Amino acid sequence: MGTSVLSLRIDGELLDRLRRRAAKRGMSVQDYVVRTLVRDDFDERFQAAVERTEEFYGEAGDPGVAGPRETAGEPPGDQVRPSAGIR
């Protein structure tokens, strides 16, 4: 995978805040921004996966929505939803 250049024009105050935050972590502004973008992208992809999982299994507590265990004739067991504790 190669690299590309992205040029941004940002407000001086924002750049100062980015410099301070990056410095607290011992990072360059470039590394801080890239890491933030990667983390945000992961969060979006993870949330999309959680939503697809909930669509497949049905929302917990939805009346009339049978999950795979219920359709197989098994009693519903205690489950931890994939999105438990994630906001």
C-alpha atoms as a PDB file:
ATOM      1  CA  MET A   1       0.000   0.000   0.000  1.00  0.00           C
ATOM      2  CA  GLY A   2       1.492   3.343  -1.038  1.00  0.00           C
ATOM      3  CA  THR A   3       1.174   6.733   0.516  1.00  0.00           C
ATOM      4  CA  SER A   4      -0.346   9.945  -0.765  1.00  0.00           C
ATOM      5  CA  VAL A   5      -0.180  13.585   0.226  1.00  0.00           C
ATOM      6  CA  LEU A   6      -3.177  15.459   1.592  1.00  0.00           C
ATOM      7  CA  SER A   7      -2.884  19.198   2.022  1.00  0.00           C
ATOM      8  CA  LEU A   8      -5.218  21.018   4.400  1.00  0.00           C
ATOM      9  CA  ARG A   9      -5.857  24.660   5.104  1.00  0.00           C
ATOM     10  CA  ILE A  10      -6.924  25.053   8.727  1.00  0.00           C
ATOM     11  CA  ASP A  11      -7.457  27.872  11.176  1.00  0.00           C
ATOM     12  CA  GLY A  12      -4.402  28.880  13.237  1.00  0.00           C
ATOM     13  CA  GLU A  13      -6.270  28.319  16.500  1.00  0.00           C
ATOM     14  CA  LEU A  14      -7.191  24.779  15.465  1.00  0.00           C
ATOM     15  CA  LEU A  15      -3.588  24.066  14.481  1.00  0.00           C
ATOM     16  CA  ASP A  16      -2.411  25.278  17.892  1.00  0.00           C
ATOM     17  CA  ARG A  17      -4.889  22.954  19.627  1.00  0.00           C
ATOM     18  CA  LEU A  18      -3.752  20.055  17.444  1.00  0.00           C
ATOM     19  CA  ARG A  19      -0.109  20.808  18.275  1.00  0.00           C
ATOM     20  CA  ARG A  20      -0.858  20.822  22.017  1.00  0.00           C
ATOM     21  CA  ARG A  21      -2.802  17.549  21.869  1.00  0.00           C
ATOM     22  CA  ALA A  22      -0.131  15.881  19.743  1.00  0.00           C
ATOM     23  CA  ALA A  23       2.631  17.109  22.057  1.00  0.00           C
ATOM     24  CA  LYS A  24       0.838  15.623  25.092  1.00  0.00           C
ATOM     25  CA  ARG A  25       1.086  12.255  23.376  1.00  0.00           C
ATOM     26  CA  GLY A  26       4.634  12.778  22.116  1.00  0.00           C
ATOM     27  CA  MET A  27       3.472  12.765  18.501  1.00  0.00           C
ATOM     28  CA  SER A  28       3.769  15.006  15.489  1.00  0.00           C
ATOM     29  CA  VAL A  29       0.633  16.832  14.341  1.00  0.00           C
ATOM     30  CA  GLN A  30       0.608  14.674  11.205  1.00  0.00           C
ATOM     31  CA  ASP A  31       0.753  11.419  13.193  1.00  0.00           C
ATOM     32  CA  TYR A  32      -1.905  12.664  15.619  1.00  0.00           C
ATOM     33  CA  VAL A  33      -4.323  13.606  12.812  1.00  0.00           C
ATOM     34  CA  VAL A  34      -3.762  10.341  10.924  1.00  0.00           C
ATOM     35  CA  ARG A  35      -4.255   8.257  14.080  1.00  0.00           C
ATOM     36  CA  THR A  36      -7.451  10.179  14.874  1.00  0.00           C
ATOM     37  CA  LEU A  37      -8.813   9.590  11.366  1.00  0.00           C
ATOM     38  CA  VAL A  38      -7.970   5.878  11.504  1.00  0.00           C
ATOM     39  CA  ARG A  39      -9.645   5.528  14.918  1.00  0.00           C
ATOM     40  CA  ASP A  40     -12.763   7.350  13.682  1.00  0.00           C
ATOM     41  CA  ASP A  41     -12.909   5.133  10.594  1.00  0.00           C
ATOM     42  CA  PHE A  42     -12.639   2.017  12.777  1.00  0.00           C
ATOM     43  CA  ASP A  43     -15.421   3.276  15.068  1.00  0.00           C
ATOM     44  CA  GLU A  44     -17.727   3.806  12.069  1.00  0.00           C
ATOM     45  CA  ARG A  45     -16.965   0.375  10.613  1.00  0.00           C
ATOM     46  CA  PHE A  46     -17.441  -1.291  14.003  1.00  0.00           C
ATOM     47  CA  GLN A  47     -20.775   0.475  14.554  1.00  0.00           C
ATOM     48  CA  ALA A  48     -21.939  -0.593  11.078  1.00  0.00           C
ATOM     49  CA  ALA A  49     -21.018  -4.207  11.906  1.00  0.00           C
ATOM     50  CA  VAL A  50     -22.953  -3.998  15.182  1.00  0.00           C
ATOM     51  CA  GLU A  51     -26.009  -2.647  13.357  1.00  0.00           C
ATOM     52  CA  ARG A  52     -25.847  -5.433  10.757  1.00  0.00           C
ATOM     53  CA  THR A  53     -25.560  -7.996  13.559  1.00  0.00           C
ATOM     54  CA  GLU A  54     -28.580  -6.516  15.329  1.00  0.00           C
ATOM     55  CA  GLU A  55     -30.551  -6.588  12.074  1.00  0.00           C
ATOM     56  CA  PHE A  56     -29.669 -10.262  11.616  1.00  0.00           C
ATOM     57  CA  TYR A  57     -30.447 -11.358  15.185  1.00  0.00           C
ATOM     58  CA  GLY A  58     -33.132  -8.748  15.906  1.00  0.00           C
ATOM     59  CA  GLU A  59     -33.023  -6.140  18.629  1.00  0.00           C
ATOM     60  CA  ALA A  60     -32.915  -7.621  22.129  1.00  0.00           C
ATOM     61  CA  GLY A  61     -36.351  -7.462  23.634  1.00  0.00           C
ATOM     62  CA  ASP A  62     -38.177  -6.967  20.325  1.00  0.00           C
ATOM     63  CA  PRO A  63     -41.420  -8.906  20.648  1.00  0.00           C
ATOM     64  CA  GLY A  64     -42.050 -11.240  17.760  1.00  0.00           C
ATOM     65  CA  VAL A  65     -38.459 -11.199  16.532  1.00  0.00           C
ATOM     66  CA  ALA A  66     -37.026 -14.688  16.751  1.00  0.00           C
ATOM     67  CA  GLY A  67     -33.279 -15.131  16.876  1.00  0.00           C
ATOM     68  CA  PRO A  68     -31.482 -18.185  15.459  1.00  0.00           C
ATOM     69  CA  ARG A  69     -31.788 -20.156  18.720  1.00  0.00           C
ATOM     70  CA  GLU A  70     -35.519 -19.531  18.985  1.00  0.00           C
ATOM     71  CA  THR A  71     -36.165 -20.571  15.395  1.00  0.00           C
ATOM     72  CA  ALA A  72     -34.188 -23.776  16.007  1.00  0.00           C
ATOM     73  CA  GLY A  73     -36.511 -24.642  18.898  1.00  0.00           C
ATOM     74  CA  GLU A  74     -33.977 -23.829  21.610  1.00  0.00           C
ATOM     75  CA  PRO A  75     -34.969 -21.634  24.529  1.00  0.00           C
ATOM     76  CA  PRO A  76     -33.439 -18.157  24.511  1.00  0.00           C
ATOM     77  CA  GLY A  77     -30.374 -17.932  26.721  1.00  0.00           C
ATOM     78  CA  ASP A  78     -28.685 -15.041  28.435  1.00  0.00           C
ATOM     79  CA  GLN A  79     -26.900 -12.985  25.804  1.00  0.00           C
ATOM     80  CA  VAL A  80     -24.622 -10.015  25.794  1.00  0.00           C
ATOM     81  CA  ARG A  81     -25.432  -7.747  22.896  1.00  0.00           C
ATOM     82  CA  PRO A  82     -22.417  -6.813  20.755  1.00  0.00           C
ATOM     83  CA  SER A  83     -23.098  -3.154  21.429  1.00  0.00           C
ATOM     84  CA  ALA A  84     -23.261  -3.513  25.213  1.00  0.00           C
ATOM     85  CA  GLY A  85     -21.557  -0.529  26.758  1.00  0.00           C
ATOM     86  CA  ILE A  86     -20.655   1.131  23.445  1.00  0.00           C
ATOM     87  CA  ARG A  87     -22.024   4.591  22.865  1.00  0.00           C
END
